[in-house]
Amino acid sequence: MDVSLSSWFVILLALIAANLPFLNERMFAVIPLSHLTKPFWLRLVELLVLYAVIRGIAYLLEAHAGNVFPQRWEFYAITACLFIVFAFPGYVFRYLRKRHG
């Protein structure tokens, strides 16, 4: 997999993973919960864990492509903010959409 394809793969995977907590009522879309709905704090915890997983996948793809570049806190702050922006459609679907009926 070349660098351009792996970059787009990570972006697409991050977009899917960021919306996953808001689009279902299971933990990580696999583990059923005893609650009727997931509380908001659990969705945020799931979002943080999924961000760490995506970061790990991106690191592995970068290591497979060649040298891993050292990153400072600015890189992680920007990617965390981008992950939150990616989660916006799922948040709107879950909390801001007008429900009929």
PDB file of N, CA and C in Angstrom:
ATOM      1  N   MET A   1       0.851  -1.167   0.000  1.00  0.00           N
ATOM      2  CA  MET A   1       0.000   0.000   0.000  1.00  0.00           C
ATOM      3  C   MET A   1       0.900   1.235   0.000  1.00  0.00           C
ATOM      4  N   ASP A   2       0.693   2.127  -0.957  1.00  0.00           N
ATOM      5  CA  ASP A   2       1.520   3.323  -1.010  1.00  0.00           C
ATOM      6  C   ASP A   2       1.051   4.343   0.030  1.00  0.00           C
ATOM      7  N   VAL A   3       1.826   5.403   0.182  1.00  0.00           N
ATOM      8  CA  VAL A   3       1.582   6.388   1.238  1.00  0.00           C
ATOM      9  C   VAL A   3       0.262   7.127   1.026  1.00  0.00           C
ATOM     10  N   SER A   4      -0.053   7.467  -0.207  1.00  0.00           N
ATOM     11  CA  SER A   4      -1.284   8.198  -0.484  1.00  0.00           C
ATOM     12  C   SER A   4      -2.508   7.343  -0.161  1.00  0.00           C
ATOM     13  N   LEU A   5      -2.481   6.097  -0.555  1.00  0.00           N
ATOM     14  CA  LEU A   5      -3.607   5.208  -0.285  1.00  0.00           C
ATOM     15  C   LEU A   5      -3.760   4.948   1.213  1.00  0.00           C
ATOM     16  N   SER A   6      -2.655   4.767   1.909  1.00  0.00           N
ATOM     17  CA  SER A   6      -2.743   4.545   3.356  1.00  0.00           C
ATOM     18  C   SER A   6      -3.237   5.792   4.081  1.00  0.00           C
ATOM     19  N   SER A   7      -2.894   6.970   3.590  1.00  0.00           N
ATOM     20  CA  SER A   7      -3.384   8.213   4.192  1.00  0.00           C
ATOM     21  C   SER A   7      -4.903   8.323   4.046  1.00  0.00           C
ATOM     22  N   TRP A   8      -5.403   8.046   2.846  1.00  0.00           N
ATOM     23  CA  TRP A   8      -6.849   8.094   2.639  1.00  0.00           C
ATOM     24  C   TRP A   8      -7.558   7.004   3.424  1.00  0.00           C
ATOM     25  N   PHE A   9      -6.911   5.845   3.579  1.00  0.00           N
ATOM     26  CA  PHE A   9      -7.494   4.768   4.368  1.00  0.00           C
ATOM     27  C   PHE A   9      -7.657   5.187   5.829  1.00  0.00           C
ATOM     28  N   VAL A  10      -6.654   5.847   6.387  1.00  0.00           N
ATOM     29  CA  VAL A  10      -6.716   6.301   7.784  1.00  0.00           C
ATOM     30  C   VAL A  10      -7.783   7.378   7.944  1.00  0.00           C
ATOM     31  N   ILE A  11      -7.898   8.276   6.986  1.00  0.00           N
ATOM     32  CA  ILE A  11      -8.912   9.329   7.063  1.00  0.00           C
ATOM     33  C   ILE A  11     -10.315   8.729   7.000  1.00  0.00           C
ATOM     34  N   LEU A  12     -10.539   7.784   6.096  1.00  0.00           N
ATOM     35  CA  LEU A  12     -11.842   7.131   5.995  1.00  0.00           C
ATOM     36  C   LEU A  12     -12.154   6.322   7.251  1.00  0.00           C
ATOM     37  N   LEU A  13     -11.167   5.618   7.761  1.00  0.00           N
ATOM     38  CA  LEU A  13     -11.347   4.843   8.993  1.00  0.00           C
ATOM     39  C   LEU A  13     -11.651   5.755  10.176  1.00  0.00           C
ATOM     40  N   ALA A  14     -10.991   6.915  10.246  1.00  0.00           N
ATOM     41  CA  ALA A  14     -11.251   7.871  11.324  1.00  0.00           C
ATOM     42  C   ALA A  14     -12.659   8.450  11.219  1.00  0.00           C
ATOM     43  N   LEU A  15     -13.118   8.707  10.017  1.00  0.00           N
ATOM     44  CA  LEU A  15     -14.469   9.228   9.820  1.00  0.00           C
ATOM     45  C   LEU A  15     -15.517   8.219  10.283  1.00  0.00           C
ATOM     46  N   ILE A  16     -15.307   6.964   9.969  1.00  0.00           N
ATOM     47  CA  ILE A  16     -16.245   5.921  10.407  1.00  0.00           C
ATOM     48  C   ILE A  16     -16.182   5.733  11.919  1.00  0.00           C
ATOM     49  N   ALA A  17     -14.970   5.665  12.462  1.00  0.00           N
ATOM     50  CA  ALA A  17     -14.800   5.427  13.896  1.00  0.00           C
ATOM     51  C   ALA A  17     -15.312   6.595  14.734  1.00  0.00           C
ATOM     52  N   ALA A  18     -15.191   7.810  14.249  1.00  0.00           N
ATOM     53  CA  ALA A  18     -15.654   8.971  15.014  1.00  0.00           C
ATOM     54  C   ALA A  18     -17.171   8.995  15.129  1.00  0.00           C
ATOM     55  N   ASN A  19     -17.873   8.486  14.139  1.00  0.00           N
ATOM     56  CA  ASN A  19     -19.333   8.488  14.168  1.00  0.00           C
ATOM     57  C   ASN A  19     -19.912   7.238  14.805  1.00  0.00           C
ATOM     58  N   LEU A  20     -19.118   6.220  14.986  1.00  0.00           N
ATOM     59  CA  LEU A  20     -19.589   4.950  15.530  1.00  0.00           C
ATOM     60  C   LEU A  20     -20.252   5.066  16.907  1.00  0.00           C
ATOM     61  N   PRO A  21     -19.715   5.823  17.865  1.00  0.00           N
ATOM     62  CA  PRO A  21     -20.379   5.901  19.178  1.00  0.00           C
ATOM     63  C   PRO A  21     -21.774   6.518  19.130  1.00  0.00           C
ATOM     64  N   PHE A  22     -22.042   7.348  18.148  1.00  0.00           N
ATOM     65  CA  PHE A  22     -23.316   8.049  18.090  1.00  0.00           C
ATOM     66  C   PHE A  22     -24.364   7.329  17.251  1.00  0.00           C
ATOM     67  N   LEU A  23     -23.963   6.353  16.476  1.00  0.00           N
ATOM     68  CA  LEU A  23     -24.893   5.707  15.551  1.00  0.00           C
ATOM     69  C   LEU A  23     -25.446   4.382  16.039  1.00  0.00           C
ATOM     70  N   ASN A  24     -24.996   3.900  17.207  1.00  0.00           N
ATOM     71  CA  ASN A  24     -25.533   2.646  17.728  1.00  0.00           C
ATOM     72  C   ASN A  24     -25.579   2.689  19.247  1.00  0.00           C
ATOM     73  N   GLU A  25     -26.253   1.707  19.818  1.00  0.00           N
ATOM     74  CA  GLU A  25     -26.403   1.646  21.272  1.00  0.00           C
ATOM     75  C   GLU A  25     -25.528   0.562  21.904  1.00  0.00           C
ATOM     76  N   ARG A  26     -24.637  -0.025  21.143  1.00  0.00           N
ATOM     77  CA  ARG A  26     -23.713  -1.027  21.666  1.00  0.00           C
ATOM     78  C   ARG A  26     -22.346  -0.395  21.880  1.00  0.00           C
ATOM     79  N   MET A  27     -21.610  -0.929  22.828  1.00  0.00           N
ATOM     80  CA  MET A  27     -20.258  -0.434  23.084  1.00  0.00           C
ATOM     81  C   MET A  27     -19.338  -0.953  21.982  1.00  0.00           C
ATOM     82  N   PHE A  28     -18.698  -0.053  21.274  1.00  0.00           N
ATOM     83  CA  PHE A  28     -17.820  -0.356  20.142  1.00  0.00           C
ATOM     84  C   PHE A  28     -18.552  -1.143  19.055  1.00  0.00           C
ATOM     85  N   ALA A  29     -19.857  -0.971  18.968  1.00  0.00           N
ATOM     86  CA  ALA A  29     -20.730  -1.617  17.985  1.00  0.00           C
ATOM     87  C   ALA A  29     -20.757  -3.129  18.131  1.00  0.00           C
ATOM     88  N   VAL A  30     -20.273  -3.672  19.249  1.00  0.00           N
ATOM     89  CA  VAL A  30     -20.216  -5.115  19.444  1.00  0.00           C
ATOM     90  C   VAL A  30     -20.847  -5.533  20.764  1.00  0.00           C
ATOM     91  N   ILE A  31     -20.470  -4.881  21.853  1.00  0.00           N
ATOM     92  CA  ILE A  31     -20.857  -5.307  23.198  1.00  0.00           C
ATOM     93  C   ILE A  31     -22.228  -4.719  23.560  1.00  0.00           C
ATOM     94  N   PRO A  32     -23.248  -5.561  23.770  1.00  0.00           N
ATOM     95  CA  PRO A  32     -24.558  -5.023  24.153  1.00  0.00           C
ATOM     96  C   PRO A  32     -24.533  -4.510  25.594  1.00  0.00           C
ATOM     97  N   LEU A  33     -25.255  -3.433  25.832  1.00  0.00           N
ATOM     98  CA  LEU A  33     -25.339  -2.836  27.163  1.00  0.00           C
ATOM     99  C   LEU A  33     -26.717  -3.117  27.763  1.00  0.00           C
ATOM    100  N   SER A  34     -26.789  -3.129  29.087  1.00  0.00           N
ATOM    101  CA  SER A  34     -28.062  -3.391  29.745  1.00  0.00           C
ATOM    102  C   SER A  34     -28.978  -2.162  29.737  1.00  0.00           C
ATOM    103  N   HIS A  35     -28.406  -0.971  29.496  1.00  0.00           N
ATOM    104  CA  HIS A  35     -29.209   0.256  29.449  1.00  0.00           C
ATOM    105  C   HIS A  35     -29.997   0.306  28.146  1.00  0.00           C
ATOM    106  N   LEU A  36     -31.079   1.050  28.159  1.00  0.00           N
ATOM    107  CA  LEU A  36     -31.816   1.251  26.913  1.00  0.00           C
ATOM    108  C   LEU A  36     -31.037   2.138  25.959  1.00  0.00           C
ATOM    109  N   THR A  37     -30.440   3.214  26.493  1.00  0.00           N
ATOM    110  CA  THR A  37     -29.602   4.089  25.675  1.00  0.00           C
ATOM    111  C   THR A  37     -28.267   4.291  26.373  1.00  0.00           C
ATOM    112  N   LYS A  38     -27.248   4.498  25.576  1.00  0.00           N
ATOM    113  CA  LYS A  38     -25.918   4.775  26.127  1.00  0.00           C
ATOM    114  C   LYS A  38     -25.891   6.194  26.668  1.00  0.00           C
ATOM    115  N   PRO A  39     -25.356   6.396  27.865  1.00  0.00           N
ATOM    116  CA  PRO A  39     -25.214   7.776  28.349  1.00  0.00           C
ATOM    117  C   PRO A  39     -24.139   8.524  27.565  1.00  0.00           C
ATOM    118  N   PHE A  40     -24.224   9.841  27.603  1.00  0.00           N
ATOM    119  CA  PHE A  40     -23.298  10.674  26.824  1.00  0.00           C
ATOM    120  C   PHE A  40     -21.848  10.468  27.250  1.00  0.00           C
ATOM    121  N   TRP A  41     -21.599  10.322  28.554  1.00  0.00           N
ATOM    122  CA  TRP A  41     -20.222  10.162  29.022  1.00  0.00           C
ATOM    123  C   TRP A  41     -19.614   8.865  28.487  1.00  0.00           C
ATOM    124  N   LEU A  42     -20.435   7.827  28.311  1.00  0.00           N
ATOM    125  CA  LEU A  42     -19.937   6.572  27.757  1.00  0.00           C
ATOM    126  C   LEU A  42     -19.606   6.723  26.276  1.00  0.00           C
ATOM    127  N   ARG A  43     -20.371   7.540  25.579  1.00  0.00           N
ATOM    128  CA  ARG A  43     -20.069   7.823  24.168  1.00  0.00           C
ATOM    129  C   ARG A  43     -18.745   8.574  24.050  1.00  0.00           C
ATOM    130  N   LEU A  44     -18.470   9.500  24.983  1.00  0.00           N
ATOM    131  CA  LEU A  44     -17.197  10.222  24.955  1.00  0.00           C
ATOM    132  C   LEU A  44     -16.017   9.310  25.260  1.00  0.00           C
ATOM    133  N   VAL A  45     -16.183   8.401  26.214  1.00  0.00           N
ATOM    134  CA  VAL A  45     -15.117   7.439  26.521  1.00  0.00           C
ATOM    135  C   VAL A  45     -14.846   6.560  25.307  1.00  0.00           C
ATOM    136  N   GLU A  46     -15.905   6.115  24.666  1.00  0.00           N
ATOM    137  CA  GLU A  46     -15.754   5.304  23.460  1.00  0.00           C
ATOM    138  C   GLU A  46     -15.055   6.089  22.351  1.00  0.00           C
ATOM    139  N   LEU A  47     -15.382   7.377  22.230  1.00  0.00           N
ATOM    140  CA  LEU A  47     -14.741   8.233  21.234  1.00  0.00           C
ATOM    141  C   LEU A  47     -13.241   8.355  21.498  1.00  0.00           C
ATOM    142  N   LEU A  48     -12.853   8.512  22.763  1.00  0.00           N
ATOM    143  CA  LEU A  48     -11.430   8.600  23.104  1.00  0.00           C
ATOM    144  C   LEU A  48     -10.684   7.301  22.819  1.00  0.00           C
ATOM    145  N   VAL A  49     -11.301   6.183  23.134  1.00  0.00           N
ATOM    146  CA  VAL A  49     -10.662   4.888  22.872  1.00  0.00           C
ATOM    147  C   VAL A  49     -10.511   4.660  21.370  1.00  0.00           C
ATOM    148  N   LEU A  50     -11.534   5.003  20.607  1.00  0.00           N
ATOM    149  CA  LEU A  50     -11.457   4.839  19.162  1.00  0.00           C
ATOM    150  C   LEU A  50     -10.412   5.771  18.548  1.00  0.00           C
ATOM    151  N   TYR A  51     -10.248   6.961  19.116  1.00  0.00           N
ATOM    152  CA  TYR A  51      -9.180   7.862  18.651  1.00  0.00           C
ATOM    153  C   TYR A  51      -7.811   7.221  18.871  1.00  0.00           C
ATOM    154  N   ALA A  52      -7.624   6.596  20.026  1.00  0.00           N
ATOM    155  CA  ALA A  52      -6.349   5.932  20.303  1.00  0.00           C
ATOM    156  C   ALA A  52      -6.121   4.755  19.356  1.00  0.00           C
ATOM    157  N   VAL A  53      -7.174   4.027  19.029  1.00  0.00           N
ATOM    158  CA  VAL A  53      -7.039   2.900  18.095  1.00  0.00           C
ATOM    159  C   VAL A  53      -6.660   3.393  16.704  1.00  0.00           C
ATOM    160  N   ILE A  54      -7.307   4.442  16.244  1.00  0.00           N
ATOM    161  CA  ILE A  54      -6.996   5.001  14.925  1.00  0.00           C
ATOM    162  C   ILE A  54      -5.573   5.549  14.903  1.00  0.00           C
ATOM    163  N   ARG A  55      -5.169   6.180  15.999  1.00  0.00           N
ATOM    164  CA  ARG A  55      -3.789   6.674  16.085  1.00  0.00           C
ATOM    165  C   ARG A  55      -2.795   5.521  15.991  1.00  0.00           C
ATOM    166  N   GLY A  56      -3.106   4.399  16.638  1.00  0.00           N
ATOM    167  CA  GLY A  56      -2.235   3.225  16.573  1.00  0.00           C
ATOM    168  C   GLY A  56      -2.165   2.644  15.171  1.00  0.00           C
ATOM    169  N   ILE A  57      -3.303   2.575  14.482  1.00  0.00           N
ATOM    170  CA  ILE A  57      -3.316   2.069  13.110  1.00  0.00           C
ATOM    171  C   ILE A  57      -2.507   2.982  12.200  1.00  0.00           C
ATOM    172  N   ALA A  58      -2.653   4.290  12.371  1.00  0.00           N
ATOM    173  CA  ALA A  58      -1.883   5.234  11.564  1.00  0.00           C
ATOM    174  C   ALA A  58      -0.386   5.088  11.830  1.00  0.00           C
ATOM    175  N   TYR A  59      -0.017   4.870  13.085  1.00  0.00           N
ATOM    176  CA  TYR A  59       1.391   4.668  13.426  1.00  0.00           C
ATOM    177  C   TYR A  59       1.938   3.402  12.753  1.00  0.00           C
ATOM    178  N   LEU A  60       1.154   2.328  12.794  1.00  0.00           N
ATOM    179  CA  LEU A  60       1.602   1.083  12.169  1.00  0.00           C
ATOM    180  C   LEU A  60       1.744   1.220  10.661  1.00  0.00           C
ATOM    181  N   LEU A  61       0.821   1.918  10.020  1.00  0.00           N
ATOM    182  CA  LEU A  61       0.936   2.139   8.580  1.00  0.00           C
ATOM    183  C   LEU A  61       2.140   3.009   8.234  1.00  0.00           C
ATOM    184  N   GLU A  62       2.415   3.996   9.082  1.00  0.00           N
ATOM    185  CA  GLU A  62       3.580   4.849   8.853  1.00  0.00           C
ATOM    186  C   GLU A  62       4.868   4.065   9.053  1.00  0.00           C
ATOM    187  N   ALA A  63       4.896   3.194  10.042  1.00  0.00           N
ATOM    188  CA  ALA A  63       6.085   2.368  10.282  1.00  0.00           C
ATOM    189  C   ALA A  63       6.291   1.375   9.144  1.00  0.00           C
ATOM    190  N   HIS A  64       5.197   0.883   8.588  1.00  0.00           N
ATOM    191  CA  HIS A  64       5.306  -0.046   7.466  1.00  0.00           C
ATOM    192  C   HIS A  64       5.826   0.652   6.212  1.00  0.00           C
ATOM    193  N   ALA A  65       5.492   1.931   6.042  1.00  0.00           N
ATOM    194  CA  ALA A  65       5.904   2.689   4.858  1.00  0.00           C
ATOM    195  C   ALA A  65       7.359   3.131   4.919  1.00  0.00           C
ATOM    196  N   GLY A  66       7.924   3.250   6.117  1.00  0.00           N
ATOM    197  CA  GLY A  66       9.305   3.717   6.224  1.00  0.00           C
ATOM    198  C   GLY A  66       9.589   4.260   7.601  1.00  0.00           C
ATOM    199  N   ASN A  67      10.278   5.380   7.642  1.00  0.00           N
ATOM    200  CA  ASN A  67      10.639   5.996   8.918  1.00  0.00           C
ATOM    201  C   ASN A  67       9.421   6.594   9.604  1.00  0.00           C
ATOM    202  N   VAL A  68       9.364   6.417  10.922  1.00  0.00           N
ATOM    203  CA  VAL A  68       8.311   7.039  11.722  1.00  0.00           C
ATOM    204  C   VAL A  68       8.836   8.384  12.202  1.00  0.00           C
ATOM    205  N   PHE A  69       8.114   9.437  11.865  1.00  0.00           N
ATOM    206  CA  PHE A  69       8.542  10.772  12.249  1.00  0.00           C
ATOM    207  C   PHE A  69       8.110  11.071  13.677  1.00  0.00           C
ATOM    208  N   PRO A  70       8.972  11.682  14.475  1.00  0.00           N
ATOM    209  CA  PRO A  70       8.578  12.026  15.852  1.00  0.00           C
ATOM    210  C   PRO A  70       7.525  13.142  15.839  1.00  0.00           C
ATOM    211  N   GLN A  71       6.522  12.993  16.701  1.00  0.00           N
ATOM    212  CA  GLN A  71       5.440  13.968  16.784  1.00  0.00           C
ATOM    213  C   GLN A  71       5.440  14.601  18.164  1.00  0.00           C
ATOM    214  N   ARG A  72       5.101  15.875  18.188  1.00  0.00           N
ATOM    215  CA  ARG A  72       4.988  16.579  19.465  1.00  0.00           C
ATOM    216  C   ARG A  72       3.520  16.782  19.798  1.00  0.00           C
ATOM    217  N   TRP A  73       3.237  17.480  20.875  1.00  0.00           N
ATOM    218  CA  TRP A  73       1.873  17.624  21.368  1.00  0.00           C
ATOM    219  C   TRP A  73       0.973  18.344  20.363  1.00  0.00           C
ATOM    220  N   GLU A  74       1.523  19.225  19.537  1.00  0.00           N
ATOM    221  CA  GLU A  74       0.717  19.959  18.562  1.00  0.00           C
ATOM    222  C   GLU A  74       0.039  19.007  17.567  1.00  0.00           C
ATOM    223  N   PHE A  75       0.772  17.993  17.142  1.00  0.00           N
ATOM    224  CA  PHE A  75       0.230  17.014  16.210  1.00  0.00           C
ATOM    225  C   PHE A  75      -0.965  16.295  16.824  1.00  0.00           C
ATOM    226  N   TYR A  76      -0.829  15.881  18.073  1.00  0.00           N
ATOM    227  CA  TYR A  76      -1.912  15.151  18.730  1.00  0.00           C
ATOM    228  C   TYR A  76      -3.106  16.055  19.019  1.00  0.00           C
ATOM    229  N   ALA A  77      -2.856  17.323  19.319  1.00  0.00           N
ATOM    230  CA  ALA A  77      -3.959  18.266  19.536  1.00  0.00           C
ATOM    231  C   ALA A  77      -4.740  18.489  18.242  1.00  0.00           C
ATOM    232  N   ILE A  78      -4.039  18.616  17.131  1.00  0.00           N
ATOM    233  CA  ILE A  78      -4.710  18.833  15.846  1.00  0.00           C
ATOM    234  C   ILE A  78      -5.488  17.597  15.424  1.00  0.00           C
ATOM    235  N   THR A  79      -4.892  16.415  15.567  1.00  0.00           N
ATOM    236  CA  THR A  79      -5.599  15.208  15.146  1.00  0.00           C
ATOM    237  C   THR A  79      -6.795  14.911  16.063  1.00  0.00           C
ATOM    238  N   ALA A  80      -6.694  15.236  17.343  1.00  0.00           N
ATOM    239  CA  ALA A  80      -7.843  15.054  18.245  1.00  0.00           C
ATOM    240  C   ALA A  80      -8.977  16.000  17.851  1.00  0.00           C
ATOM    241  N   CYS A  81      -8.648  17.244  17.531  1.00  0.00           N
ATOM    242  CA  CYS A  81      -9.676  18.193  17.088  1.00  0.00           C
ATOM    243  C   CYS A  81     -10.295  17.748  15.763  1.00  0.00           C
ATOM    244  N   LEU A  82      -9.492  17.224  14.861  1.00  0.00           N
ATOM    245  CA  LEU A  82     -10.014  16.723  13.598  1.00  0.00           C
ATOM    246  C   LEU A  82     -10.936  15.526  13.823  1.00  0.00           C
ATOM    247  N   PHE A  83     -10.593  14.672  14.771  1.00  0.00           N
ATOM    248  CA  PHE A  83     -11.433  13.527  15.096  1.00  0.00           C
ATOM    249  C   PHE A  83     -12.776  13.984  15.663  1.00  0.00           C
ATOM    250  N   ILE A  84     -12.764  15.028  16.469  1.00  0.00           N
ATOM    251  CA  ILE A  84     -14.007  15.580  17.013  1.00  0.00           C
ATOM    252  C   ILE A  84     -14.856  16.195  15.898  1.00  0.00           C
ATOM    253  N   VAL A  85     -14.220  16.864  14.960  1.00  0.00           N
ATOM    254  CA  VAL A  85     -14.950  17.414  13.816  1.00  0.00           C
ATOM    255  C   VAL A  85     -15.552  16.292  12.974  1.00  0.00           C
ATOM    256  N   PHE A  86     -14.810  15.200  12.806  1.00  0.00           N
ATOM    257  CA  PHE A  86     -15.344  14.046  12.079  1.00  0.00           C
ATOM    258  C   PHE A  86     -16.565  13.459  12.780  1.00  0.00           C
ATOM    259  N   ALA A  87     -16.655  13.594  14.105  1.00  0.00           N
ATOM    260  CA  ALA A  87     -17.772  13.030  14.867  1.00  0.00           C
ATOM    261  C   ALA A  87     -19.024  13.905  14.806  1.00  0.00           C
ATOM    262  N   PHE A  88     -18.931  15.077  14.244  1.00  0.00           N
ATOM    263  CA  PHE A  88     -20.065  16.003  14.235  1.00  0.00           C
ATOM    264  C   PHE A  88     -21.312  15.458  13.534  1.00  0.00           C
ATOM    265  N   PRO A  89     -21.215  14.807  12.371  1.00  0.00           N
ATOM    266  CA  PRO A  89     -22.443  14.274  11.752  1.00  0.00           C
ATOM    267  C   PRO A  89     -23.172  13.255  12.639  1.00  0.00           C
ATOM    268  N   GLY A  90     -22.436  12.401  13.317  1.00  0.00           N
ATOM    269  CA  GLY A  90     -23.066  11.435  14.213  1.00  0.00           C
ATOM    270  C   GLY A  90     -23.710  12.110  15.405  1.00  0.00           C
ATOM    271  N   TYR A  91     -23.056  13.151  15.937  1.00  0.00           N
ATOM    272  CA  TYR A  91     -23.618  13.910  17.057  1.00  0.00           C
ATOM    273  C   TYR A  91     -24.924  14.593  16.639  1.00  0.00           C
ATOM    274  N   VAL A  92     -24.930  15.204  15.460  1.00  0.00           N
ATOM    275  CA  VAL A  92     -26.141  15.862  14.960  1.00  0.00           C
ATOM    276  C   VAL A  92     -27.247  14.833  14.775  1.00  0.00           C
ATOM    277  N   PHE A  93     -26.913  13.682  14.226  1.00  0.00           N
ATOM    278  CA  PHE A  93     -27.912  12.637  14.014  1.00  0.00           C
ATOM    279  C   PHE A  93     -28.496  12.157  15.333  1.00  0.00           C
ATOM    280  N   ARG A  94     -27.661  12.035  16.367  1.00  0.00           N
ATOM    281  CA  ARG A  94     -28.126  11.500  17.653  1.00  0.00           C
ATOM    282  C   ARG A  94     -28.867  12.543  18.487  1.00  0.00           C
ATOM    283  N   TYR A  95     -28.345  13.770  18.587  1.00  0.00           N
ATOM    284  CA  TYR A  95     -28.874  14.725  19.563  1.00  0.00           C
ATOM    285  C   TYR A  95     -29.593  15.931  18.967  1.00  0.00           C
ATOM    286  N   LEU A  96     -29.300  16.351  17.768  1.00  0.00           N
ATOM    287  CA  LEU A  96     -29.886  17.588  17.238  1.00  0.00           C
ATOM    288  C   LEU A  96     -30.965  17.361  16.181  1.00  0.00           C
ATOM    289  N   ARG A  97     -31.122  16.141  15.728  1.00  0.00           N
ATOM    290  CA  ARG A  97     -32.127  15.840  14.697  1.00  0.00           C
ATOM    291  C   ARG A  97     -33.518  15.907  15.316  1.00  0.00           C
ATOM    292  N   LYS A  98     -34.434  16.496  14.577  1.00  0.00           N
ATOM    293  CA  LYS A  98     -35.814  16.601  15.048  1.00  0.00           C
ATOM    294  C   LYS A  98     -36.501  15.243  14.857  1.00  0.00           C
ATOM    295  N   ARG A  99     -37.055  14.740  15.930  1.00  0.00           N
ATOM    296  CA  ARG A  99     -37.727  13.445  15.875  1.00  0.00           C
ATOM    297  C   ARG A  99     -39.230  13.642  15.689  1.00  0.00           C
ATOM    298  N   HIS A 100     -39.798  12.951  14.746  1.00  0.00           N
ATOM    299  CA  HIS A 100     -41.233  13.022  14.484  1.00  0.00           C
ATOM    300  C   HIS A 100     -41.917  11.798  15.082  1.00  0.00           C
ATOM    301  N   GLY A 101     -43.074  12.019  15.680  1.00  0.00           N
ATOM    302  CA  GLY A 101     -43.836  10.897  16.203  1.00  0.00           C
ATOM    303  C   GLY A 101     -43.676  10.749  17.616  1.00  0.00           C
TER     304      GLY A 101
END
